[in-house]
């Protein structure tokens, strides 16, 4: 016989076909075929039993477990965001005010011990040091006759920048002299405040340093401590206040005074807020802060 072609090979026409979805049928069983003599109700019951053996992934226990975990995490996140986080923050603040603020004071004690005597001695001439234009420090100097609780309308205010070369401000005893190119020379004998913006490393003129009874090296060291700790300081009739901003718990003031003056409460009598205070060193150092009252 001659060659009969590829289709005539025995292994081709004797090969048994593979069963479709054999592995699935092994797991879930085959769809039953209606046999002769099988009632319709029995056939439907058998067919339903075969279907119940197969489940989609969203019907599996693994999916239900993952879904329950996801819902639990989402609910806890919402609960934390809108309720629990506030309670936890209040708890942290309470712990800080009980002991943390004392630890902060102890960690800065040497620097505070340098600053406090400097401003106490010059309380009647040096009003404050704060961050001014472009975060440059500003020193507020006043005449000795200006009270700490002054009326701004009755004060002559002069501003000076250490970068300026065409304007000069000098202090002779208690007189403030303003002169320079393009300025009419003026002398203020009393009730004046001088704001000096230190915009470079140039020292303040010698007459101002003499008025403050200091030198540039000492003053520069004081300014460096304040800038390094991001503090602002102000002098008052009965106390000295150093303000700093805690990264979590808003603004605090460290008060140097023999006692916590009642005038602080009066000054901070702001509608919708209440003053909180505590003792760091009794008869020496206190802390204060403003707390917003809850809406009624």
C-alpha atoms as a PDB file:
ATOM      1  CA  UNK A   1       0.000   0.000   0.000  1.00  0.00           C
ATOM      2  CA  UNK A   2       1.117   3.445  -0.661  1.00  0.00           C
ATOM      3  CA  UNK A   3       1.365   6.383   1.857  1.00  0.00           C
ATOM      4  CA  UNK A   4      -2.143   7.297   2.950  1.00  0.00           C
ATOM      5  CA  UNK A   5      -1.386  10.688   4.587  1.00  0.00           C
ATOM      6  CA  UNK A   6      -1.174  12.225   8.099  1.00  0.00           C
ATOM      7  CA  UNK A   7      -4.806  11.562   8.971  1.00  0.00           C
ATOM      8  CA  UNK A   8      -4.411   7.861   8.636  1.00  0.00           C
ATOM      9  CA  UNK A   9      -1.938   7.460  11.512  1.00  0.00           C
ATOM     10  CA  UNK A  10      -3.351   5.160  14.148  1.00  0.00           C
ATOM     11  CA  UNK A  11      -2.458   7.363  17.185  1.00  0.00           C
ATOM     12  CA  UNK A  12      -4.608  10.116  15.704  1.00  0.00           C
ATOM     13  CA  UNK A  13      -7.847   8.250  15.084  1.00  0.00           C
ATOM     14  CA  UNK A  14      -7.515   6.127  18.228  1.00  0.00           C
ATOM     15  CA  UNK A  15      -6.838   9.125  20.573  1.00  0.00           C
ATOM     16  CA  UNK A  16      -9.518   9.739  23.195  1.00  0.00           C
ATOM     17  CA  UNK A  17     -10.767  13.328  23.507  1.00  0.00           C
ATOM     18  CA  UNK A  18     -10.030  15.206  26.736  1.00  0.00           C
ATOM     19  CA  UNK A  19     -12.940  15.922  28.974  1.00  0.00           C
ATOM     20  CA  UNK A  20     -13.814  19.618  29.184  1.00  0.00           C
ATOM     21  CA  UNK A  21     -13.261  21.252  32.606  1.00  0.00           C
ATOM     22  CA  UNK A  22     -12.205  17.906  34.051  1.00  0.00           C
ATOM     23  CA  UNK A  23     -10.532  19.407  37.163  1.00  0.00           C
ATOM     24  CA  UNK A  24     -13.510  21.638  37.948  1.00  0.00           C
ATOM     25  CA  UNK A  25     -15.808  18.669  37.595  1.00  0.00           C
ATOM     26  CA  UNK A  26     -13.617  16.707  39.990  1.00  0.00           C
ATOM     27  CA  UNK A  27     -14.005  19.489  42.570  1.00  0.00           C
ATOM     28  CA  UNK A  28     -17.628  20.515  42.074  1.00  0.00           C
ATOM     29  CA  UNK A  29     -19.070  17.540  40.315  1.00  0.00           C
ATOM     30  CA  UNK A  30     -20.644  17.277  36.893  1.00  0.00           C
ATOM     31  CA  UNK A  31     -23.937  18.852  35.980  1.00  0.00           C
ATOM     32  CA  UNK A  32     -26.366  15.979  36.266  1.00  0.00           C
ATOM     33  CA  UNK A  33     -28.200  14.728  33.215  1.00  0.00           C
ATOM     34  CA  UNK A  34     -31.815  13.901  33.436  1.00  0.00           C
ATOM     35  CA  UNK A  35     -32.101  10.168  33.408  1.00  0.00           C
ATOM     36  CA  UNK A  36     -35.092   8.151  32.421  1.00  0.00           C
ATOM     37  CA  UNK A  37     -37.458   7.563  35.273  1.00  0.00           C
ATOM     38  CA  UNK A  38     -36.116  10.577  37.251  1.00  0.00           C
ATOM     39  CA  UNK A  39     -38.847  12.936  38.406  1.00  0.00           C
ATOM     40  CA  UNK A  40     -38.541  16.645  37.592  1.00  0.00           C
ATOM     41  CA  UNK A  41     -38.433  17.627  41.266  1.00  0.00           C
ATOM     42  CA  UNK A  42     -35.670  15.132  41.966  1.00  0.00           C
ATOM     43  CA  UNK A  43     -33.708  16.349  38.937  1.00  0.00           C
ATOM     44  CA  UNK A  44     -33.998  20.004  40.007  1.00  0.00           C
ATOM     45  CA  UNK A  45     -32.952  19.121  43.556  1.00  0.00           C
ATOM     46  CA  UNK A  46     -29.902  17.251  42.259  1.00  0.00           C
ATOM     47  CA  UNK A  47     -29.022  20.112  39.910  1.00  0.00           C
ATOM     48  CA  UNK A  48     -29.302  22.688  42.710  1.00  0.00           C
ATOM     49  CA  UNK A  49     -27.066  20.548  44.908  1.00  0.00           C
ATOM     50  CA  UNK A  50     -24.410  20.514  42.187  1.00  0.00           C
ATOM     51  CA  UNK A  51     -24.575  24.317  41.831  1.00  0.00           C
ATOM     52  CA  UNK A  52     -24.175  24.904  45.562  1.00  0.00           C
ATOM     53  CA  UNK A  53     -20.805  23.159  45.444  1.00  0.00           C
ATOM     54  CA  UNK A  54     -19.345  26.016  43.368  1.00  0.00           C
ATOM     55  CA  UNK A  55     -18.714  29.519  44.878  1.00  0.00           C
ATOM     56  CA  UNK A  56     -17.356  32.708  43.386  1.00  0.00           C
ATOM     57  CA  UNK A  57     -14.439  34.433  45.131  1.00  0.00           C
ATOM     58  CA  UNK A  58     -16.730  37.112  46.602  1.00  0.00           C
ATOM     59  CA  UNK A  59     -18.686  34.263  48.231  1.00  0.00           C
ATOM     60  CA  UNK A  60     -15.604  32.675  49.806  1.00  0.00           C
ATOM     61  CA  UNK A  61     -14.576  32.947  53.434  1.00  0.00           C
ATOM     62  CA  UNK A  62     -11.297  34.638  52.495  1.00  0.00           C
ATOM     63  CA  UNK A  63     -13.128  37.449  50.733  1.00  0.00           C
ATOM     64  CA  UNK A  64     -15.566  37.907  53.604  1.00  0.00           C
ATOM     65  CA  UNK A  65     -12.658  38.053  56.084  1.00  0.00           C
ATOM     66  CA  UNK A  66     -10.784  40.654  54.027  1.00  0.00           C
ATOM     67  CA  UNK A  67     -13.952  42.703  53.609  1.00  0.00           C
ATOM     68  CA  UNK A  68     -14.654  42.684  57.360  1.00  0.00           C
ATOM     69  CA  UNK A  69     -11.047  43.761  58.087  1.00  0.00           C
ATOM     70  CA  UNK A  70     -11.308  46.602  55.551  1.00  0.00           C
ATOM     71  CA  UNK A  71     -14.615  47.851  57.006  1.00  0.00           C
ATOM     72  CA  UNK A  72     -13.228  47.670  60.563  1.00  0.00           C
ATOM     73  CA  UNK A  73     -10.111  49.671  59.619  1.00  0.00           C
ATOM     74  CA  UNK A  74     -12.194  52.296  57.792  1.00  0.00           C
ATOM     75  CA  UNK A  75     -14.595  52.703  60.725  1.00  0.00           C
ATOM     76  CA  UNK A  76     -11.711  52.986  63.197  1.00  0.00           C
ATOM     77  CA  UNK A  77     -10.031  55.579  60.963  1.00  0.00           C
ATOM     78  CA  UNK A  78     -13.189  57.705  60.880  1.00  0.00           C
ATOM     79  CA  UNK A  79     -13.668  57.286  64.627  1.00  0.00           C
ATOM     80  CA  UNK A  80     -10.063  58.343  65.278  1.00  0.00           C
ATOM     81  CA  UNK A  81     -10.216  61.296  62.904  1.00  0.00           C
ATOM     82  CA  UNK A  82     -13.374  62.863  64.291  1.00  0.00           C
ATOM     83  CA  UNK A  83     -13.547  61.717  67.944  1.00  0.00           C
ATOM     84  CA  UNK A  84     -10.643  59.797  69.470  1.00  0.00           C
ATOM     85  CA  UNK A  85      -7.815  62.011  68.162  1.00  0.00           C
ATOM     86  CA  UNK A  86      -9.183  65.027  70.071  1.00  0.00           C
ATOM     87  CA  UNK A  87      -9.368  63.070  73.319  1.00  0.00           C
ATOM     88  CA  UNK A  88      -5.848  61.723  72.785  1.00  0.00           C
ATOM     89  CA  UNK A  89      -4.524  65.217  72.051  1.00  0.00           C
ATOM     90  CA  UNK A  90      -6.145  66.519  75.249  1.00  0.00           C
ATOM     91  CA  UNK A  91      -4.530  63.663  77.176  1.00  0.00           C
ATOM     92  CA  UNK A  92      -1.110  64.454  75.696  1.00  0.00           C
ATOM     93  CA  UNK A  93      -1.530  68.162  76.502  1.00  0.00           C
ATOM     94  CA  UNK A  94      -2.507  67.308  80.089  1.00  0.00           C
ATOM     95  CA  UNK A  95       0.615  65.156  80.465  1.00  0.00           C
ATOM     96  CA  UNK A  96       2.773  67.914  78.996  1.00  0.00           C
ATOM     97  CA  UNK A  97       1.388  70.527  81.366  1.00  0.00           C
ATOM     98  CA  UNK A  98       1.872  68.264  84.369  1.00  0.00           C
ATOM     99  CA  UNK A  99       5.501  67.430  83.738  1.00  0.00           C
ATOM    100  CA  UNK A 100       6.580  68.117  80.148  1.00  0.00           C
ATOM    101  CA  UNK A 101       6.661  71.892  80.454  1.00  0.00           C
ATOM    102  CA  UNK A 102       8.861  71.588  83.548  1.00  0.00           C
ATOM    103  CA  UNK A 103      11.220  69.360  81.565  1.00  0.00           C
ATOM    104  CA  UNK A 104      11.239  71.944  78.778  1.00  0.00           C
ATOM    105  CA  UNK A 105      12.109  74.667  81.277  1.00  0.00           C
ATOM    106  CA  UNK A 106      14.936  72.582  82.743  1.00  0.00           C
ATOM    107  CA  UNK A 107      16.341  71.895  79.267  1.00  0.00           C
ATOM    108  CA  UNK A 108      16.439  75.654  78.545  1.00  0.00           C
ATOM    109  CA  UNK A 109      17.299  76.804  82.042  1.00  0.00           C
ATOM    110  CA  UNK A 110      20.788  78.117  81.287  1.00  0.00           C
ATOM    111  CA  UNK A 111      19.578  80.158  78.325  1.00  0.00           C
ATOM    112  CA  UNK A 112      16.599  81.493  80.257  1.00  0.00           C
ATOM    113  CA  UNK A 113      18.904  82.393  83.143  1.00  0.00           C
ATOM    114  CA  UNK A 114      20.873  84.552  80.697  1.00  0.00           C
ATOM    115  CA  UNK A 115      17.846  86.280  79.200  1.00  0.00           C
ATOM    116  CA  UNK A 116      15.710  86.968  82.261  1.00  0.00           C
ATOM    117  CA  UNK A 117      18.195  89.157  84.216  1.00  0.00           C
ATOM    118  CA  UNK A 118      19.079  91.114  81.070  1.00  0.00           C
ATOM    119  CA  UNK A 119      15.477  92.184  80.473  1.00  0.00           C
ATOM    120  CA  UNK A 120      14.634  92.598  84.164  1.00  0.00           C
ATOM    121  CA  UNK A 121      17.408  95.145  84.524  1.00  0.00           C
ATOM    122  CA  UNK A 122      16.222  97.088  81.445  1.00  0.00           C
ATOM    123  CA  UNK A 123      12.482  96.703  81.986  1.00  0.00           C
ATOM    124  CA  UNK A 124      11.854 100.472  81.884  1.00  0.00           C
ATOM    125  CA  UNK A 125      13.741 100.930  78.570  1.00  0.00           C
ATOM    126  CA  UNK A 126      13.403  97.676  76.615  1.00  0.00           C
ATOM    127  CA  UNK A 127       9.834  96.733  75.718  1.00  0.00           C
ATOM    128  CA  UNK A 128      10.158  93.625  73.554  1.00  0.00           C
ATOM    129  CA  UNK A 129      12.027  91.598  70.956  1.00  0.00           C
ATOM    130  CA  UNK A 130       9.995  89.854  68.255  1.00  0.00           C
ATOM    131  CA  UNK A 131      10.241  88.590  64.683  1.00  0.00           C
ATOM    132  CA  UNK A 132       9.522  91.411  62.271  1.00  0.00           C
ATOM    133  CA  UNK A 133       9.705  91.827  58.496  1.00  0.00           C
ATOM    134  CA  UNK A 134      11.016  88.707  56.707  1.00  0.00           C
ATOM    135  CA  UNK A 135      11.625  87.057  60.097  1.00  0.00           C
ATOM    136  CA  UNK A 136      14.244  89.645  61.005  1.00  0.00           C
ATOM    137  CA  UNK A 137      14.316  90.437  64.699  1.00  0.00           C
ATOM    138  CA  UNK A 138      12.896  93.731  65.877  1.00  0.00           C
ATOM    139  CA  UNK A 139      13.867  95.410  69.142  1.00  0.00           C
ATOM    140  CA  UNK A 140      11.308  97.743  70.635  1.00  0.00           C
ATOM    141  CA  UNK A 141      12.964 100.408  72.816  1.00  0.00           C
ATOM    142  CA  UNK A 142      10.997 102.996  74.753  1.00  0.00           C
ATOM    143  CA  UNK A 143      11.617 106.126  76.757  1.00  0.00           C
ATOM    144  CA  UNK A 144      11.614 105.570  80.489  1.00  0.00           C
ATOM    145  CA  UNK A 145       8.437 107.589  80.970  1.00  0.00           C
ATOM    146  CA  UNK A 146       6.320 105.294  78.749  1.00  0.00           C
ATOM    147  CA  UNK A 147       4.220 102.978  80.864  1.00  0.00           C
ATOM    148  CA  UNK A 148       3.927  99.330  79.900  1.00  0.00           C
ATOM    149  CA  UNK A 149       0.188  99.717  79.373  1.00  0.00           C
ATOM    150  CA  UNK A 150       0.501 102.772  77.164  1.00  0.00           C
ATOM    151  CA  UNK A 151      -2.045 104.391  74.872  1.00  0.00           C
ATOM    152  CA  UNK A 152      -0.687 104.128  71.338  1.00  0.00           C
ATOM    153  CA  UNK A 153      -2.240 107.472  70.315  1.00  0.00           C
ATOM    154  CA  UNK A 154      -0.164 109.353  72.873  1.00  0.00           C
ATOM    155  CA  UNK A 155       3.163 107.801  71.785  1.00  0.00           C
ATOM    156  CA  UNK A 156       5.586 109.009  69.104  1.00  0.00           C
ATOM    157  CA  UNK A 157       6.694 105.936  67.173  1.00  0.00           C
ATOM    158  CA  UNK A 158       9.867 105.818  65.091  1.00  0.00           C
ATOM    159  CA  UNK A 159      11.013 102.936  62.912  1.00  0.00           C
ATOM    160  CA  UNK A 160      14.602 102.254  61.979  1.00  0.00           C
ATOM    161  CA  UNK A 161      16.340  99.598  59.885  1.00  0.00           C
ATOM    162  CA  UNK A 162      20.012  98.819  60.458  1.00  0.00           C
ATOM    163  CA  UNK A 163      20.387  98.591  56.672  1.00  0.00           C
ATOM    164  CA  UNK A 164      19.510 102.244  56.239  1.00  0.00           C
ATOM    165  CA  UNK A 165      22.391 104.599  55.615  1.00  0.00           C
ATOM    166  CA  UNK A 166      20.442 107.830  54.975  1.00  0.00           C
ATOM    167  CA  UNK A 167      18.636 107.846  58.326  1.00  0.00           C
ATOM    168  CA  UNK A 168      20.131 108.012  61.797  1.00  0.00           C
ATOM    169  CA  UNK A 169      18.523 107.450  65.165  1.00  0.00           C
ATOM    170  CA  UNK A 170      20.523 108.284  68.247  1.00  0.00           C
ATOM    171  CA  UNK A 171      19.589 108.414  71.917  1.00  0.00           C
ATOM    172  CA  UNK A 172      21.099 111.032  74.201  1.00  0.00           C
ATOM    173  CA  UNK A 173      20.057 110.408  77.783  1.00  0.00           C
ATOM    174  CA  UNK A 174      16.270 110.175  77.358  1.00  0.00           C
ATOM    175  CA  UNK A 175      16.054 112.116  74.084  1.00  0.00           C
ATOM    176  CA  UNK A 176      15.510 110.350  70.748  1.00  0.00           C
ATOM    177  CA  UNK A 177      17.136 112.210  67.839  1.00  0.00           C
ATOM    178  CA  UNK A 178      16.164 111.449  64.236  1.00  0.00           C
ATOM    179  CA  UNK A 179      18.229 112.911  61.401  1.00  0.00           C
ATOM    180  CA  UNK A 180      19.707 112.118  58.009  1.00  0.00           C
ATOM    181  CA  UNK A 181      19.515 112.826  54.307  1.00  0.00           C
ATOM    182  CA  UNK A 182      15.993 113.776  53.325  1.00  0.00           C
ATOM    183  CA  UNK A 183      14.796 113.918  56.927  1.00  0.00           C
ATOM    184  CA  UNK A 184      14.043 116.937  59.058  1.00  0.00           C
ATOM    185  CA  UNK A 185      16.091 116.632  62.221  1.00  0.00           C
ATOM    186  CA  UNK A 186      13.703 115.946  65.070  1.00  0.00           C
ATOM    187  CA  UNK A 187      14.188 115.408  68.780  1.00  0.00           C
ATOM    188  CA  UNK A 188      11.662 113.560  70.922  1.00  0.00           C
ATOM    189  CA  UNK A 189      12.269 114.335  74.592  1.00  0.00           C
ATOM    190  CA  UNK A 190       9.653 111.973  75.999  1.00  0.00           C
ATOM    191  CA  UNK A 191       6.929 109.421  75.220  1.00  0.00           C
ATOM    192  CA  UNK A 192       8.650 107.764  72.275  1.00  0.00           C
ATOM    193  CA  UNK A 193       9.100 104.185  71.066  1.00  0.00           C
ATOM    194  CA  UNK A 194      11.859 103.133  68.671  1.00  0.00           C
ATOM    195  CA  UNK A 195      11.466  99.951  66.605  1.00  0.00           C
ATOM    196  CA  UNK A 196      14.847  98.780  65.315  1.00  0.00           C
ATOM    197  CA  UNK A 197      14.725  96.114  62.604  1.00  0.00           C
ATOM    198  CA  UNK A 198      18.006  94.187  62.600  1.00  0.00           C
ATOM    199  CA  UNK A 199      18.237  93.111  58.963  1.00  0.00           C
ATOM    200  CA  UNK A 200      21.956  92.370  58.890  1.00  0.00           C
ATOM    201  CA  UNK A 201      24.876  91.786  61.202  1.00  0.00           C
ATOM    202  CA  UNK A 202      25.630  95.499  61.553  1.00  0.00           C
ATOM    203  CA  UNK A 203      25.619  96.457  65.217  1.00  0.00           C
ATOM    204  CA  UNK A 204      23.214  98.996  66.662  1.00  0.00           C
ATOM    205  CA  UNK A 205      24.792 102.433  67.054  1.00  0.00           C
ATOM    206  CA  UNK A 206      26.757 103.110  70.200  1.00  0.00           C
ATOM    207  CA  UNK A 207      24.340 105.717  71.595  1.00  0.00           C
ATOM    208  CA  UNK A 208      21.502 103.146  71.658  1.00  0.00           C
ATOM    209  CA  UNK A 209      23.745 100.524  73.261  1.00  0.00           C
ATOM    210  CA  UNK A 210      24.786 103.076  75.868  1.00  0.00           C
ATOM    211  CA  UNK A 211      21.129 103.898  76.561  1.00  0.00           C
ATOM    212  CA  UNK A 212      20.466 100.171  77.134  1.00  0.00           C
ATOM    213  CA  UNK A 213      23.610  99.884  79.285  1.00  0.00           C
ATOM    214  CA  UNK A 214      25.060  97.052  77.228  1.00  0.00           C
ATOM    215  CA  UNK A 215      27.458  96.350  74.372  1.00  0.00           C
ATOM    216  CA  UNK A 216      26.956  94.729  70.982  1.00  0.00           C
ATOM    217  CA  UNK A 217      28.508  91.386  71.990  1.00  0.00           C
ATOM    218  CA  UNK A 218      26.114  90.938  74.909  1.00  0.00           C
ATOM    219  CA  UNK A 219      23.080  92.068  72.947  1.00  0.00           C
ATOM    220  CA  UNK A 220      23.984  89.874  69.986  1.00  0.00           C
ATOM    221  CA  UNK A 221      24.262  86.873  72.304  1.00  0.00           C
ATOM    222  CA  UNK A 222      20.793  87.589  73.715  1.00  0.00           C
ATOM    223  CA  UNK A 223      19.321  87.964  70.233  1.00  0.00           C
ATOM    224  CA  UNK A 224      20.938  84.707  69.132  1.00  0.00           C
ATOM    225  CA  UNK A 225      19.355  82.773  72.012  1.00  0.00           C
ATOM    226  CA  UNK A 226      15.929  84.190  71.202  1.00  0.00           C
ATOM    227  CA  UNK A 227      16.240  83.443  67.492  1.00  0.00           C
ATOM    228  CA  UNK A 228      17.646  79.967  68.066  1.00  0.00           C
ATOM    229  CA  UNK A 229      14.636  78.974  70.190  1.00  0.00           C
ATOM    230  CA  UNK A 230      12.104  80.977  68.169  1.00  0.00           C
ATOM    231  CA  UNK A 231      11.145  82.957  71.278  1.00  0.00           C
ATOM    232  CA  UNK A 232       9.638  86.396  71.532  1.00  0.00           C
ATOM    233  CA  UNK A 233       9.932  88.331  74.771  1.00  0.00           C
ATOM    234  CA  UNK A 234       8.120  91.272  76.290  1.00  0.00           C
ATOM    235  CA  UNK A 235       8.522  93.189  79.536  1.00  0.00           C
ATOM    236  CA  UNK A 236       5.647  94.303  81.738  1.00  0.00           C
ATOM    237  CA  UNK A 237       5.271  96.195  84.975  1.00  0.00           C
ATOM    238  CA  UNK A 238       5.206  93.110  87.200  1.00  0.00           C
ATOM    239  CA  UNK A 239       6.518  90.319  85.015  1.00  0.00           C
ATOM    240  CA  UNK A 240       8.499  89.235  81.951  1.00  0.00           C
ATOM    241  CA  UNK A 241       6.861  86.981  79.369  1.00  0.00           C
ATOM    242  CA  UNK A 242       8.626  84.658  76.930  1.00  0.00           C
ATOM    243  CA  UNK A 243       6.371  83.317  74.216  1.00  0.00           C
ATOM    244  CA  UNK A 244       7.019  80.101  72.313  1.00  0.00           C
ATOM    245  CA  UNK A 245       4.958  77.858  70.077  1.00  0.00           C
ATOM    246  CA  UNK A 246       4.739  74.171  70.909  1.00  0.00           C
ATOM    247  CA  UNK A 247       4.579  71.982  67.772  1.00  0.00           C
ATOM    248  CA  UNK A 248       1.410  70.211  69.001  1.00  0.00           C
ATOM    249  CA  UNK A 249      -0.151  72.154  71.857  1.00  0.00           C
ATOM    250  CA  UNK A 250      -0.467  75.691  70.531  1.00  0.00           C
ATOM    251  CA  UNK A 251       1.165  78.723  72.161  1.00  0.00           C
ATOM    252  CA  UNK A 252       2.620  78.934  75.646  1.00  0.00           C
ATOM    253  CA  UNK A 253       4.073  81.767  77.692  1.00  0.00           C
ATOM    254  CA  UNK A 254       6.730  81.385  80.363  1.00  0.00           C
ATOM    255  CA  UNK A 255       6.158  84.065  82.973  1.00  0.00           C
ATOM    256  CA  UNK A 256       8.910  85.312  85.278  1.00  0.00           C
ATOM    257  CA  UNK A 257       7.226  86.900  88.297  1.00  0.00           C
ATOM    258  CA  UNK A 258       7.002  86.703  92.078  1.00  0.00           C
ATOM    259  CA  UNK A 259       3.404  85.625  91.621  1.00  0.00           C
ATOM    260  CA  UNK A 260       1.018  85.172  88.694  1.00  0.00           C
ATOM    261  CA  UNK A 261      -0.308  88.719  88.206  1.00  0.00           C
ATOM    262  CA  UNK A 262      -4.056  89.261  87.912  1.00  0.00           C
ATOM    263  CA  UNK A 263      -3.423  91.710  85.077  1.00  0.00           C
ATOM    264  CA  UNK A 264      -2.538  88.770  82.808  1.00  0.00           C
ATOM    265  CA  UNK A 265      -6.065  87.417  83.174  1.00  0.00           C
ATOM    266  CA  UNK A 266      -7.493  90.887  82.469  1.00  0.00           C
ATOM    267  CA  UNK A 267      -5.285  91.390  79.400  1.00  0.00           C
ATOM    268  CA  UNK A 268      -6.236  87.988  78.041  1.00  0.00           C
ATOM    269  CA  UNK A 269      -9.930  88.333  78.756  1.00  0.00           C
ATOM    270  CA  UNK A 270     -10.869  87.421  75.203  1.00  0.00           C
ATOM    271  CA  UNK A 271     -14.400  86.355  74.376  1.00  0.00           C
ATOM    272  CA  UNK A 272     -14.587  82.639  73.669  1.00  0.00           C
ATOM    273  CA  UNK A 273     -11.266  81.857  75.404  1.00  0.00           C
ATOM    274  CA  UNK A 274     -10.133  81.029  78.923  1.00  0.00           C
ATOM    275  CA  UNK A 275      -6.648  81.354  80.376  1.00  0.00           C
ATOM    276  CA  UNK A 276      -4.933  78.215  81.662  1.00  0.00           C
ATOM    277  CA  UNK A 277      -1.916  78.525  83.935  1.00  0.00           C
ATOM    278  CA  UNK A 278       0.425  76.497  86.100  1.00  0.00           C
ATOM    279  CA  UNK A 279       3.493  76.666  88.307  1.00  0.00           C
ATOM    280  CA  UNK A 280       7.013  75.790  87.151  1.00  0.00           C
ATOM    281  CA  UNK A 281       8.884  77.267  90.125  1.00  0.00           C
ATOM    282  CA  UNK A 282       6.653  78.728  92.817  1.00  0.00           C
ATOM    283  CA  UNK A 283       7.349  82.410  93.380  1.00  0.00           C
ATOM    284  CA  UNK A 284       9.591  82.574  90.287  1.00  0.00           C
ATOM    285  CA  UNK A 285       8.318  80.992  87.074  1.00  0.00           C
ATOM    286  CA  UNK A 286       4.841  80.181  85.749  1.00  0.00           C
ATOM    287  CA  UNK A 287       3.280  79.142  82.463  1.00  0.00           C
ATOM    288  CA  UNK A 288       0.101  80.333  80.757  1.00  0.00           C
ATOM    289  CA  UNK A 289      -1.838  79.644  77.594  1.00  0.00           C
ATOM    290  CA  UNK A 290      -5.202  80.483  76.050  1.00  0.00           C
ATOM    291  CA  UNK A 291      -7.744  77.718  75.508  1.00  0.00           C
ATOM    292  CA  UNK A 292     -10.722  78.063  73.228  1.00  0.00           C
ATOM    293  CA  UNK A 293     -14.024  77.394  74.965  1.00  0.00           C
ATOM    294  CA  UNK A 294     -16.276  74.738  73.417  1.00  0.00           C
ATOM    295  CA  UNK A 295     -19.275  76.049  71.556  1.00  0.00           C
ATOM    296  CA  UNK A 296     -22.427  75.820  73.621  1.00  0.00           C
END
